[in-house]
Amino acid sequence: MIEIDENKIFEEIRSNKPRSVCISAPDGLMIYLEDISSRIKKEFNIDVFIMGDSCYGSCDSTNFEAKRIGAELAFNIGHTISFEKLGDRTIMIDAFDNIDFEPAIKKSIDALKKFKVIGMVTFSQYLHQIDLIKKKFEENGVQVIIGKGRGQLQDGQVFGCEFYPAFYIKESVDAFVVLGNSNFHGIGVSLSSGKPTFMIDPYAEEIIDVKGVAEDREKKAILSISKARYAEKFGLILGLKEGQFDTKKLLSVKRRLEERGKEVQLIAMREVTKERMSYFKSIDAFIQTSCPRVSIDGYTFNKPVLSSPQAEALLDLLDGKEIDDFLVKPHWL
């Protein structure tokens, strides 16, 4: 059962007395927003905007859009981070899933006992359960380590692009367990750590080895780099979302490509899609600094579309260096 912290939303509205607010959430939680909006309007008699665009993470904060539409507070639901507020008006609202992991834990014990030490991580929905689940594993003879948080990440928490709690304990563990069935997070932990990685799915009540799908993603990422090696003209895409906007990084890649004799066209986009990029006929390959998972998760593009770590690997390849383990990093930003 999903529990959204509506009490915090109401407390913030009572405290700040905004004339209007906006709310956003990932696709899986969008179905709750109309009811939340209705309750806010009934209680406070203020305008409520539901942000209808995709909301993939804390990088999708909506301070700029909120200001533009006159919303004095913006509630980002379902992306728990170590900060309560992003920017001048975005409030982070927890949405936790209270499903019981016990049946899945029982079925996973035998598979995990062959590893001496397990690193345990999870994502926002299950972060509130991680300490309890660690205790249950240890009661069954499985030694567990939870890595420390850093930046926006709390202890044991990973994003699809940041893996600090996993990366900095990878030399102390033999494998990782990701609480929840999310290939998105499981693949990230596997590739960033280089360790065996398993997902504990509380709904299917099973343990899933992500090795096969992670290796497939890595092969596709390497293939894109290899194809981009022969490109003469690059399109460098600047992500326009608040949490993805990084001109410094983009211009650094531009300079280094030009130093190697490549032509560069700068492009700015909110969403990196095959359809939008199809208009750039003369460009041989793209590098985007917005979301690394757009490039790594096997989306179908007609031309190579590299993420930041892939771009760094490409530059090494152009200099005649090896590109092994280019994804084994604490983050892919």
C-alpha atoms as a PDB file:
ATOM      1  CA  MET A   1       0.000   0.000   0.000  1.00  0.00           C
ATOM      2  CA  ILE A   2       1.339   3.426  -0.997  1.00  0.00           C
ATOM      3  CA  GLU A   3       1.296   6.059   1.736  1.00  0.00           C
ATOM      4  CA  ILE A   4       1.810   9.637   0.589  1.00  0.00           C
ATOM      5  CA  ASP A   5       2.698  12.116   3.314  1.00  0.00           C
ATOM      6  CA  GLU A   6      -0.290  14.393   2.782  1.00  0.00           C
ATOM      7  CA  ASN A   7       0.058  15.695   6.336  1.00  0.00           C
ATOM      8  CA  LYS A   8       3.285  17.406   5.323  1.00  0.00           C
ATOM      9  CA  ILE A   9       1.585  18.971   2.305  1.00  0.00           C
ATOM     10  CA  PHE A  10      -1.176  20.364   4.512  1.00  0.00           C
ATOM     11  CA  GLU A  11       1.296  21.577   7.161  1.00  0.00           C
ATOM     12  CA  GLU A  12       3.342  23.447   4.557  1.00  0.00           C
ATOM     13  CA  ILE A  13       0.230  25.096   3.153  1.00  0.00           C
ATOM     14  CA  ARG A  14      -0.988  26.126   6.610  1.00  0.00           C
ATOM     15  CA  SER A  15       2.425  27.508   7.489  1.00  0.00           C
ATOM     16  CA  ASN A  16       3.153  29.356   4.241  1.00  0.00           C
ATOM     17  CA  LYS A  17      -0.412  30.357   3.257  1.00  0.00           C
ATOM     18  CA  PRO A  18       0.175  30.227  -0.517  1.00  0.00           C
ATOM     19  CA  ARG A  19      -2.502  31.470  -2.893  1.00  0.00           C
ATOM     20  CA  SER A  20      -1.792  28.590  -5.270  1.00  0.00           C
ATOM     21  CA  VAL A  21       0.361  25.451  -5.359  1.00  0.00           C
ATOM     22  CA  CYS A  22       1.411  22.792  -7.841  1.00  0.00           C
ATOM     23  CA  ILE A  23       1.994  19.056  -7.401  1.00  0.00           C
ATOM     24  CA  SER A  24       4.065  16.608  -9.442  1.00  0.00           C
ATOM     25  CA  ALA A  25       4.829  12.892  -9.204  1.00  0.00           C
ATOM     26  CA  PRO A  26       6.319  10.012 -11.205  1.00  0.00           C
ATOM     27  CA  ASP A  27       3.967   8.201 -13.563  1.00  0.00           C
ATOM     28  CA  GLY A  28       3.213   5.448 -11.043  1.00  0.00           C
ATOM     29  CA  LEU A  29       1.801   7.988  -8.583  1.00  0.00           C
ATOM     30  CA  MET A  30      -0.030  10.276 -11.020  1.00  0.00           C
ATOM     31  CA  ILE A  31      -3.288   8.436 -10.334  1.00  0.00           C
ATOM     32  CA  TYR A  32      -3.306   9.873  -6.794  1.00  0.00           C
ATOM     33  CA  LEU A  33      -2.872  13.527  -7.741  1.00  0.00           C
ATOM     34  CA  GLU A  34      -6.462  14.424  -8.605  1.00  0.00           C
ATOM     35  CA  ASP A  35      -7.685  13.231  -5.205  1.00  0.00           C
ATOM     36  CA  ILE A  36      -4.884  15.094  -3.429  1.00  0.00           C
ATOM     37  CA  SER A  37      -5.712  18.223  -5.423  1.00  0.00           C
ATOM     38  CA  SER A  38      -9.390  17.945  -4.461  1.00  0.00           C
ATOM     39  CA  ARG A  39      -8.572  17.631  -0.765  1.00  0.00           C
ATOM     40  CA  ILE A  40      -6.252  20.649  -0.900  1.00  0.00           C
ATOM     41  CA  LYS A  41      -8.875  22.772  -2.647  1.00  0.00           C
ATOM     42  CA  LYS A  42     -11.578  21.692  -0.199  1.00  0.00           C
ATOM     43  CA  GLU A  43      -9.439  22.427   2.863  1.00  0.00           C
ATOM     44  CA  PHE A  44      -7.784  25.686   1.776  1.00  0.00           C
ATOM     45  CA  ASN A  45      -9.828  27.054  -1.133  1.00  0.00           C
ATOM     46  CA  ILE A  46      -6.729  27.720  -3.240  1.00  0.00           C
ATOM     47  CA  ASP A  47      -5.781  26.907  -6.820  1.00  0.00           C
ATOM     48  CA  VAL A  48      -3.903  23.649  -7.419  1.00  0.00           C
ATOM     49  CA  PHE A  49      -2.002  22.866 -10.598  1.00  0.00           C
ATOM     50  CA  ILE A  50      -1.188  19.239 -11.419  1.00  0.00           C
ATOM     51  CA  MET A  51       2.042  19.204 -13.403  1.00  0.00           C
ATOM     52  CA  GLY A  52       1.235  16.848 -16.266  1.00  0.00           C
ATOM     53  CA  ASP A  53       4.740  16.384 -17.649  1.00  0.00           C
ATOM     54  CA  SER A  54       6.889  13.384 -16.751  1.00  0.00           C
ATOM     55  CA  CYS A  55       8.654  13.584 -13.391  1.00  0.00           C
ATOM     56  CA  TYR A  56      11.557  11.157 -13.209  1.00  0.00           C
ATOM     57  CA  GLY A  57      13.313  12.296 -10.050  1.00  0.00           C
ATOM     58  CA  SER A  58      14.562  15.203  -7.989  1.00  0.00           C
ATOM     59  CA  CYS A  59      16.170  16.469 -11.213  1.00  0.00           C
ATOM     60  CA  ASP A  60      12.610  17.225 -12.341  1.00  0.00           C
ATOM     61  CA  SER A  61      12.005  19.929  -9.746  1.00  0.00           C
ATOM     62  CA  THR A  62       9.636  22.607 -11.000  1.00  0.00           C
ATOM     63  CA  ASN A  63      10.718  25.853  -9.355  1.00  0.00           C
ATOM     64  CA  PHE A  64      10.856  27.710 -12.661  1.00  0.00           C
ATOM     65  CA  GLU A  65       7.520  26.393 -13.914  1.00  0.00           C
ATOM     66  CA  ALA A  66       5.879  27.009 -10.538  1.00  0.00           C
ATOM     67  CA  LYS A  67       7.011  30.617 -10.554  1.00  0.00           C
ATOM     68  CA  ARG A  68       5.809  31.027 -14.117  1.00  0.00           C
ATOM     69  CA  ILE A  69       2.271  29.816 -13.320  1.00  0.00           C
ATOM     70  CA  GLY A  70       2.096  31.664 -10.017  1.00  0.00           C
ATOM     71  CA  ALA A  71       2.315  28.632  -7.723  1.00  0.00           C
ATOM     72  CA  GLU A  72       4.016  29.728  -4.516  1.00  0.00           C
ATOM     73  CA  LEU A  73       4.762  26.154  -3.416  1.00  0.00           C
ATOM     74  CA  ALA A  74       5.609  23.116  -5.558  1.00  0.00           C
ATOM     75  CA  PHE A  75       5.220  19.631  -4.068  1.00  0.00           C
ATOM     76  CA  ASN A  76       7.395  16.914  -5.616  1.00  0.00           C
ATOM     77  CA  ILE A  77       5.835  13.625  -4.500  1.00  0.00           C
ATOM     78  CA  GLY A  78       7.636  10.290  -4.345  1.00  0.00           C
ATOM     79  CA  HIS A  79      11.286  11.292  -4.581  1.00  0.00           C
ATOM     80  CA  THR A  80      12.688  11.069  -1.066  1.00  0.00           C
ATOM     81  CA  ILE A  81      16.040  12.816  -0.633  1.00  0.00           C
ATOM     82  CA  SER A  82      18.152  14.065   2.262  1.00  0.00           C
ATOM     83  CA  PHE A  83      16.827  17.620   1.805  1.00  0.00           C
ATOM     84  CA  GLU A  84      13.283  18.722   2.527  1.00  0.00           C
ATOM     85  CA  LYS A  85      13.406  21.523  -0.011  1.00  0.00           C
ATOM     86  CA  LEU A  86      14.930  22.119  -3.450  1.00  0.00           C
ATOM     87  CA  GLY A  87      15.302  25.654  -4.701  1.00  0.00           C
ATOM     88  CA  ASP A  88      13.065  28.409  -3.428  1.00  0.00           C
ATOM     89  CA  ARG A  89       9.708  26.619  -3.493  1.00  0.00           C
ATOM     90  CA  THR A  90       9.890  22.859  -4.183  1.00  0.00           C
ATOM     91  CA  ILE A  91       8.989  20.724  -1.137  1.00  0.00           C
ATOM     92  CA  MET A  92       9.855  17.016  -1.279  1.00  0.00           C
ATOM     93  CA  ILE A  93       7.014  14.724  -0.184  1.00  0.00           C
ATOM     94  CA  ASP A  94       7.571  11.077   0.759  1.00  0.00           C
ATOM     95  CA  ALA A  95       5.529   8.285  -0.815  1.00  0.00           C
ATOM     96  CA  PHE A  96       6.354   4.964   0.832  1.00  0.00           C
ATOM     97  CA  ASP A  97       5.262   1.444  -0.081  1.00  0.00           C
ATOM     98  CA  ASN A  98       4.483  -0.637   3.008  1.00  0.00           C
ATOM     99  CA  ILE A  99       4.315  -4.029   1.307  1.00  0.00           C
ATOM    100  CA  ASP A 100       5.653  -6.909   3.410  1.00  0.00           C
ATOM    101  CA  PHE A 101       9.056  -8.185   2.231  1.00  0.00           C
ATOM    102  CA  GLU A 102       8.980 -11.239   4.540  1.00  0.00           C
ATOM    103  CA  PRO A 103       7.905 -13.855   1.930  1.00  0.00           C
ATOM    104  CA  ALA A 104      10.496 -12.618  -0.580  1.00  0.00           C
ATOM    105  CA  ILE A 105      13.204 -12.556   2.093  1.00  0.00           C
ATOM    106  CA  LYS A 106      12.531 -16.195   3.016  1.00  0.00           C
ATOM    107  CA  LYS A 107      12.850 -17.245  -0.630  1.00  0.00           C
ATOM    108  CA  SER A 108      16.111 -15.325  -1.114  1.00  0.00           C
ATOM    109  CA  ILE A 109      18.101 -16.497   1.924  1.00  0.00           C
ATOM    110  CA  ASP A 110      19.543 -19.649   0.344  1.00  0.00           C
ATOM    111  CA  ALA A 111      20.678 -17.799  -2.792  1.00  0.00           C
ATOM    112  CA  LEU A 112      22.455 -15.131  -0.747  1.00  0.00           C
ATOM    113  CA  LYS A 113      24.135 -17.305   1.879  1.00  0.00           C
ATOM    114  CA  LYS A 114      26.910 -18.193  -0.590  1.00  0.00           C
ATOM    115  CA  PHE A 115      28.106 -14.584  -0.277  1.00  0.00           C
ATOM    116  CA  LYS A 116      29.990 -13.694   2.877  1.00  0.00           C
ATOM    117  CA  VAL A 117      28.854 -10.054   3.010  1.00  0.00           C
ATOM    118  CA  ILE A 118      25.941  -8.385   1.221  1.00  0.00           C
ATOM    119  CA  GLY A 119      25.582  -4.684   0.479  1.00  0.00           C
ATOM    120  CA  MET A 120      21.961  -3.545   0.747  1.00  0.00           C
ATOM    121  CA  VAL A 121      20.472  -0.580  -1.122  1.00  0.00           C
ATOM    122  CA  THR A 122      17.043   0.566  -2.204  1.00  0.00           C
ATOM    123  CA  PHE A 123      15.169   3.496  -3.695  1.00  0.00           C
ATOM    124  CA  SER A 124      12.673   6.009  -2.346  1.00  0.00           C
ATOM    125  CA  GLN A 125       9.596   3.788  -1.964  1.00  0.00           C
ATOM    126  CA  TYR A 126      11.264   1.265   0.348  1.00  0.00           C
ATOM    127  CA  LEU A 127      13.867   3.379   2.113  1.00  0.00           C
ATOM    128  CA  HIS A 128      11.819   3.411   5.323  1.00  0.00           C
ATOM    129  CA  GLN A 129      12.020  -0.406   5.485  1.00  0.00           C
ATOM    130  CA  ILE A 130      15.740  -0.908   4.884  1.00  0.00           C
ATOM    131  CA  ASP A 131      16.882  -1.166   8.524  1.00  0.00           C
ATOM    132  CA  LEU A 132      14.144  -3.663   9.401  1.00  0.00           C
ATOM    133  CA  ILE A 133      14.928  -5.808   6.352  1.00  0.00           C
ATOM    134  CA  LYS A 134      18.651  -5.713   7.156  1.00  0.00           C
ATOM    135  CA  LYS A 135      17.826  -7.072  10.620  1.00  0.00           C
ATOM    136  CA  LYS A 136      15.706  -9.873   9.148  1.00  0.00           C
ATOM    137  CA  PHE A 137      18.504 -10.974   6.828  1.00  0.00           C
ATOM    138  CA  GLU A 138      21.010 -10.954   9.677  1.00  0.00           C
ATOM    139  CA  GLU A 139      18.651 -13.048  11.818  1.00  0.00           C
ATOM    140  CA  ASN A 140      18.877 -15.626   9.025  1.00  0.00           C
ATOM    141  CA  GLY A 141      22.673 -15.646   8.924  1.00  0.00           C
ATOM    142  CA  VAL A 142      23.309 -13.148   6.102  1.00  0.00           C
ATOM    143  CA  GLN A 143      25.763 -10.365   6.990  1.00  0.00           C
ATOM    144  CA  VAL A 144      24.608  -7.015   5.604  1.00  0.00           C
ATOM    145  CA  ILE A 145      26.270  -3.606   5.164  1.00  0.00           C
ATOM    146  CA  ILE A 146      24.359  -0.418   4.355  1.00  0.00           C
ATOM    147  CA  GLY A 147      26.483   2.308   2.792  1.00  0.00           C
ATOM    148  CA  LYS A 148      26.443   5.921   3.939  1.00  0.00           C
ATOM    149  CA  GLY A 149      24.538   8.555   2.008  1.00  0.00           C
ATOM    150  CA  ARG A 150      26.050  11.551   0.283  1.00  0.00           C
ATOM    151  CA  GLY A 151      24.591  14.660  -1.342  1.00  0.00           C
ATOM    152  CA  GLN A 152      20.876  14.082  -1.904  1.00  0.00           C
ATOM    153  CA  LEU A 153      21.146  10.372  -1.080  1.00  0.00           C
ATOM    154  CA  GLN A 154      20.327   8.987   2.351  1.00  0.00           C
ATOM    155  CA  ASP A 155      22.025   5.901   3.806  1.00  0.00           C
ATOM    156  CA  GLY A 156      21.388   2.902   1.565  1.00  0.00           C
ATOM    157  CA  GLN A 157      19.604   4.950  -1.093  1.00  0.00           C
ATOM    158  CA  VAL A 158      20.433   4.959  -4.798  1.00  0.00           C
ATOM    159  CA  PHE A 159      19.146   6.928  -7.756  1.00  0.00           C
ATOM    160  CA  GLY A 160      19.308   5.785 -11.350  1.00  0.00           C
ATOM    161  CA  CYS A 161      22.359   7.994 -11.823  1.00  0.00           C
ATOM    162  CA  GLU A 162      23.943   8.210  -8.335  1.00  0.00           C
ATOM    163  CA  PHE A 163      25.211   5.202  -6.409  1.00  0.00           C
ATOM    164  CA  TYR A 164      27.407   6.502  -3.558  1.00  0.00           C
ATOM    165  CA  PRO A 165      26.105   4.171  -0.796  1.00  0.00           C
ATOM    166  CA  ALA A 166      26.841   1.174  -3.043  1.00  0.00           C
ATOM    167  CA  PHE A 167      30.042   2.347  -4.708  1.00  0.00           C
ATOM    168  CA  TYR A 168      31.964   3.208  -1.557  1.00  0.00           C
ATOM    169  CA  ILE A 169      31.341  -0.161   0.089  1.00  0.00           C
ATOM    170  CA  LYS A 170      31.875  -2.323  -3.004  1.00  0.00           C
ATOM    171  CA  GLU A 171      35.308  -3.481  -1.831  1.00  0.00           C
ATOM    172  CA  SER A 172      33.788  -4.611   1.482  1.00  0.00           C
ATOM    173  CA  VAL A 173      30.970  -6.738   0.052  1.00  0.00           C
ATOM    174  CA  ASP A 174      30.657  -9.748  -2.239  1.00  0.00           C
ATOM    175  CA  ALA A 175      27.317  -8.833  -3.802  1.00  0.00           C
ATOM    176  CA  PHE A 176      24.496  -6.292  -3.654  1.00  0.00           C
ATOM    177  CA  VAL A 177      20.806  -6.628  -2.935  1.00  0.00           C
ATOM    178  CA  VAL A 178      18.384  -3.991  -4.207  1.00  0.00           C
ATOM    179  CA  LEU A 179      15.094  -3.921  -2.321  1.00  0.00           C
ATOM    180  CA  GLY A 180      12.276  -3.697  -4.858  1.00  0.00           C
ATOM    181  CA  ASN A 181      11.749  -4.866  -8.414  1.00  0.00           C
ATOM    182  CA  SER A 182      13.353  -2.102 -10.453  1.00  0.00           C
ATOM    183  CA  ASN A 183      15.655  -2.999 -13.316  1.00  0.00           C
ATOM    184  CA  PHE A 184      16.348   0.726 -13.522  1.00  0.00           C
ATOM    185  CA  HIS A 185      18.041   0.743 -10.118  1.00  0.00           C
ATOM    186  CA  GLY A 186      19.324  -2.832 -10.215  1.00  0.00           C
ATOM    187  CA  ILE A 187      21.190  -2.313 -13.489  1.00  0.00           C
ATOM    188  CA  GLY A 188      22.678   0.917 -12.176  1.00  0.00           C
ATOM    189  CA  VAL A 189      24.009  -0.739  -9.023  1.00  0.00           C
ATOM    190  CA  SER A 190      25.383  -3.694 -10.998  1.00  0.00           C
ATOM    191  CA  LEU A 191      27.230  -1.613 -13.601  1.00  0.00           C
ATOM    192  CA  SER A 192      28.477   1.083 -11.211  1.00  0.00           C
ATOM    193  CA  SER A 193      29.843  -1.437  -8.708  1.00  0.00           C
ATOM    194  CA  GLY A 194      30.934  -4.314 -10.922  1.00  0.00           C
ATOM    195  CA  LYS A 195      29.493  -6.696  -8.321  1.00  0.00           C
ATOM    196  CA  PRO A 196      26.830  -9.438  -8.549  1.00  0.00           C
ATOM    197  CA  THR A 197      23.501  -7.710  -7.975  1.00  0.00           C
ATOM    198  CA  PHE A 198      20.101  -9.124  -7.056  1.00  0.00           C
ATOM    199  CA  MET A 199      16.670  -7.560  -6.714  1.00  0.00           C
ATOM    200  CA  ILE A 200      14.265  -8.649  -3.988  1.00  0.00           C
ATOM    201  CA  ASP A 201      10.768  -8.361  -5.480  1.00  0.00           C
ATOM    202  CA  PRO A 202       8.152  -8.201  -2.683  1.00  0.00           C
ATOM    203  CA  TYR A 203       5.237  -8.489  -5.105  1.00  0.00           C
ATOM    204  CA  ALA A 204       6.403 -11.559  -7.041  1.00  0.00           C
ATOM    205  CA  GLU A 205       8.053 -12.838  -3.832  1.00  0.00           C
ATOM    206  CA  GLU A 206      11.286 -13.744  -5.597  1.00  0.00           C
ATOM    207  CA  ILE A 207      14.954 -12.865  -5.961  1.00  0.00           C
ATOM    208  CA  ILE A 208      16.143 -11.772  -9.408  1.00  0.00           C
ATOM    209  CA  ASP A 209      19.718 -11.772 -10.713  1.00  0.00           C
ATOM    210  CA  VAL A 210      20.207  -8.697 -12.932  1.00  0.00           C
ATOM    211  CA  LYS A 211      23.482  -9.908 -14.454  1.00  0.00           C
ATOM    212  CA  GLY A 212      22.062 -10.744 -17.879  1.00  0.00           C
ATOM    213  CA  VAL A 213      20.148  -7.531 -18.442  1.00  0.00           C
ATOM    214  CA  ALA A 214      22.998  -5.420 -17.008  1.00  0.00           C
ATOM    215  CA  GLU A 215      25.531  -7.030 -19.346  1.00  0.00           C
ATOM    216  CA  ASP A 216      23.198  -6.352 -22.272  1.00  0.00           C
ATOM    217  CA  ARG A 217      23.011  -2.654 -21.359  1.00  0.00           C
ATOM    218  CA  GLU A 218      26.792  -2.460 -21.042  1.00  0.00           C
ATOM    219  CA  LYS A 219      27.317  -4.053 -24.467  1.00  0.00           C
ATOM    220  CA  LYS A 220      24.928  -1.570 -26.072  1.00  0.00           C
ATOM    221  CA  ALA A 221      26.688   1.313 -24.324  1.00  0.00           C
ATOM    222  CA  ILE A 222      30.060   0.113 -25.638  1.00  0.00           C
ATOM    223  CA  LEU A 223      28.652  -0.343 -29.148  1.00  0.00           C
ATOM    224  CA  SER A 224      27.382   3.254 -29.169  1.00  0.00           C
ATOM    225  CA  ILE A 225      30.831   4.497 -28.154  1.00  0.00           C
ATOM    226  CA  SER A 226      32.474   2.432 -30.882  1.00  0.00           C
ATOM    227  CA  LYS A 227      30.122   3.854 -33.518  1.00  0.00           C
ATOM    228  CA  ALA A 228      30.616   7.420 -32.274  1.00  0.00           C
ATOM    229  CA  ARG A 229      34.374   7.008 -32.662  1.00  0.00           C
ATOM    230  CA  TYR A 230      33.988   7.553 -36.400  1.00  0.00           C
ATOM    231  CA  ALA A 231      31.681  10.563 -36.172  1.00  0.00           C
ATOM    232  CA  GLU A 232      32.925  13.859 -37.558  1.00  0.00           C
ATOM    233  CA  LYS A 233      30.070  16.103 -36.419  1.00  0.00           C
ATOM    234  CA  PHE A 234      28.618  15.857 -32.906  1.00  0.00           C
ATOM    235  CA  GLY A 235      25.403  17.267 -31.495  1.00  0.00           C
ATOM    236  CA  LEU A 236      25.929  18.215 -27.827  1.00  0.00           C
ATOM    237  CA  ILE A 237      22.597  18.294 -26.018  1.00  0.00           C
ATOM    238  CA  LEU A 238      22.124  20.528 -22.975  1.00  0.00           C
ATOM    239  CA  GLY A 239      19.313  19.313 -20.714  1.00  0.00           C
ATOM    240  CA  LEU A 240      16.964  22.157 -19.829  1.00  0.00           C
ATOM    241  CA  LYS A 241      15.398  20.558 -16.741  1.00  0.00           C
ATOM    242  CA  GLU A 242      16.402  22.270 -13.505  1.00  0.00           C
ATOM    243  CA  GLY A 243      18.372  19.353 -12.094  1.00  0.00           C
ATOM    244  CA  GLN A 244      20.051  18.511 -15.398  1.00  0.00           C
ATOM    245  CA  PHE A 245      21.172  21.949 -16.568  1.00  0.00           C
ATOM    246  CA  ASP A 246      24.982  21.927 -16.721  1.00  0.00           C
ATOM    247  CA  THR A 247      26.589  24.241 -19.261  1.00  0.00           C
ATOM    248  CA  LYS A 248      30.040  23.859 -17.683  1.00  0.00           C
ATOM    249  CA  LYS A 249      30.173  20.135 -18.396  1.00  0.00           C
ATOM    250  CA  LEU A 250      28.724  20.541 -21.882  1.00  0.00           C
ATOM    251  CA  LEU A 251      31.235  23.205 -22.886  1.00  0.00           C
ATOM    252  CA  SER A 252      34.086  21.126 -21.473  1.00  0.00           C
ATOM    253  CA  VAL A 253      33.115  18.224 -23.742  1.00  0.00           C
ATOM    254  CA  LYS A 254      32.751  20.659 -26.657  1.00  0.00           C
ATOM    255  CA  ARG A 255      36.256  22.003 -26.155  1.00  0.00           C
ATOM    256  CA  ARG A 256      37.831  18.568 -25.917  1.00  0.00           C
ATOM    257  CA  LEU A 257      36.048  17.302 -29.022  1.00  0.00           C
ATOM    258  CA  GLU A 258      37.136  20.355 -30.995  1.00  0.00           C
ATOM    259  CA  GLU A 259      40.708  19.850 -29.815  1.00  0.00           C
ATOM    260  CA  ARG A 260      40.501  16.437 -31.478  1.00  0.00           C
ATOM    261  CA  GLY A 261      39.302  17.903 -34.754  1.00  0.00           C
ATOM    262  CA  LYS A 262      35.570  17.253 -34.368  1.00  0.00           C
ATOM    263  CA  GLU A 263      32.811  19.638 -35.416  1.00  0.00           C
ATOM    264  CA  VAL A 264      30.231  20.441 -32.727  1.00  0.00           C
ATOM    265  CA  GLN A 265      26.665  21.748 -32.820  1.00  0.00           C
ATOM    266  CA  LEU A 266      25.159  22.820 -29.484  1.00  0.00           C
ATOM    267  CA  ILE A 267      21.518  21.826 -28.899  1.00  0.00           C
ATOM    268  CA  ALA A 268      19.163  22.489 -25.966  1.00  0.00           C
ATOM    269  CA  MET A 269      16.269  20.126 -25.127  1.00  0.00           C
ATOM    270  CA  ARG A 270      13.940  19.278 -22.260  1.00  0.00           C
ATOM    271  CA  GLU A 271      13.314  15.705 -23.439  1.00  0.00           C
ATOM    272  CA  VAL A 272      15.877  13.748 -25.476  1.00  0.00           C
ATOM    273  CA  THR A 273      13.825  11.729 -27.950  1.00  0.00           C
ATOM    274  CA  LYS A 274      14.404   9.921 -31.223  1.00  0.00           C
ATOM    275  CA  GLU A 275      11.750  12.058 -32.904  1.00  0.00           C
ATOM    276  CA  ARG A 276      13.321  15.399 -31.978  1.00  0.00           C
ATOM    277  CA  MET A 277      16.823  14.314 -32.918  1.00  0.00           C
ATOM    278  CA  SER A 278      15.691  13.087 -36.337  1.00  0.00           C
ATOM    279  CA  TYR A 279      15.625  16.700 -37.533  1.00  0.00           C
ATOM    280  CA  PHE A 280      19.408  17.037 -37.174  1.00  0.00           C
ATOM    281  CA  LYS A 281      20.332  15.368 -40.452  1.00  0.00           C
ATOM    282  CA  SER A 282      24.006  16.355 -40.668  1.00  0.00           C
ATOM    283  CA  ILE A 283      24.965  15.207 -37.169  1.00  0.00           C
ATOM    284  CA  ASP A 284      26.728  11.836 -36.945  1.00  0.00           C
ATOM    285  CA  ALA A 285      26.462  11.253 -33.178  1.00  0.00           C
ATOM    286  CA  PHE A 286      25.024  12.942 -30.097  1.00  0.00           C
ATOM    287  CA  ILE A 287      26.264  13.474 -26.547  1.00  0.00           C
ATOM    288  CA  GLN A 288      23.667  14.468 -23.956  1.00  0.00           C
ATOM    289  CA  THR A 289      24.444  15.718 -20.457  1.00  0.00           C
ATOM    290  CA  SER A 290      20.856  15.612 -19.197  1.00  0.00           C
ATOM    291  CA  CYS A 291      19.997  12.066 -18.060  1.00  0.00           C
ATOM    292  CA  PRO A 292      22.576   9.273 -18.429  1.00  0.00           C
ATOM    293  CA  ARG A 293      19.884   6.604 -18.407  1.00  0.00           C
ATOM    294  CA  VAL A 294      18.457   7.874 -21.694  1.00  0.00           C
ATOM    295  CA  SER A 295      21.644   6.604 -23.335  1.00  0.00           C
ATOM    296  CA  ILE A 296      22.380   3.531 -21.207  1.00  0.00           C
ATOM    297  CA  ASP A 297      18.934   1.949 -20.911  1.00  0.00           C
ATOM    298  CA  GLY A 298      18.725   0.677 -24.465  1.00  0.00           C
ATOM    299  CA  TYR A 299      16.423   3.266 -25.995  1.00  0.00           C
ATOM    300  CA  THR A 300      16.320   2.921 -29.781  1.00  0.00           C
ATOM    301  CA  PHE A 301      18.040   5.771 -31.569  1.00  0.00           C
ATOM    302  CA  ASN A 302      19.052   5.972 -35.214  1.00  0.00           C
ATOM    303  CA  LYS A 303      22.453   7.407 -34.285  1.00  0.00           C
ATOM    304  CA  PRO A 304      24.767   7.014 -31.269  1.00  0.00           C
ATOM    305  CA  VAL A 305      23.537   9.004 -28.265  1.00  0.00           C
ATOM    306  CA  LEU A 306      26.147   9.027 -25.505  1.00  0.00           C
ATOM    307  CA  SER A 307      25.833   9.866 -21.817  1.00  0.00           C
ATOM    308  CA  SER A 308      28.514  11.726 -19.851  1.00  0.00           C
ATOM    309  CA  PRO A 309      30.473   8.577 -18.820  1.00  0.00           C
ATOM    310  CA  GLN A 310      30.240   7.297 -22.389  1.00  0.00           C
ATOM    311  CA  ALA A 311      31.548  10.644 -23.631  1.00  0.00           C
ATOM    312  CA  GLU A 312      34.543  10.375 -21.309  1.00  0.00           C
ATOM    313  CA  ALA A 313      35.165   6.850 -22.603  1.00  0.00           C
ATOM    314  CA  LEU A 314      34.914   8.106 -26.189  1.00  0.00           C
ATOM    315  CA  LEU A 315      37.524  10.788 -25.544  1.00  0.00           C
ATOM    316  CA  ASP A 316      39.830   8.128 -24.090  1.00  0.00           C
ATOM    317  CA  LEU A 317      39.205   5.911 -27.113  1.00  0.00           C
ATOM    318  CA  LEU A 318      40.048   8.767 -29.480  1.00  0.00           C
ATOM    319  CA  ASP A 319      43.338   9.124 -27.599  1.00  0.00           C
ATOM    320  CA  GLY A 320      44.111   5.433 -28.041  1.00  0.00           C
ATOM    321  CA  LYS A 321      43.324   4.435 -24.445  1.00  0.00           C
ATOM    322  CA  GLU A 322      41.347   1.454 -23.134  1.00  0.00           C
ATOM    323  CA  ILE A 323      37.776   2.046 -21.962  1.00  0.00           C
ATOM    324  CA  ASP A 324      37.299  -0.813 -19.499  1.00  0.00           C
ATOM    325  CA  ASP A 325      35.041  -0.185 -16.486  1.00  0.00           C
ATOM    326  CA  PHE A 326      33.944   3.257 -17.695  1.00  0.00           C
ATOM    327  CA  LEU A 327      30.621   2.795 -15.874  1.00  0.00           C
ATOM    328  CA  VAL A 328      32.196   1.748 -12.564  1.00  0.00           C
ATOM    329  CA  LYS A 329      31.751   5.139 -10.926  1.00  0.00           C
ATOM    330  CA  PRO A 330      29.929   6.578  -7.897  1.00  0.00           C
ATOM    331  CA  HIS A 331      27.698   8.547 -10.291  1.00  0.00           C
ATOM    332  CA  TRP A 332      27.097   8.892 -14.041  1.00  0.00           C
ATOM    333  CA  LEU A 333      26.542  12.651 -14.107  1.00  0.00           C
END
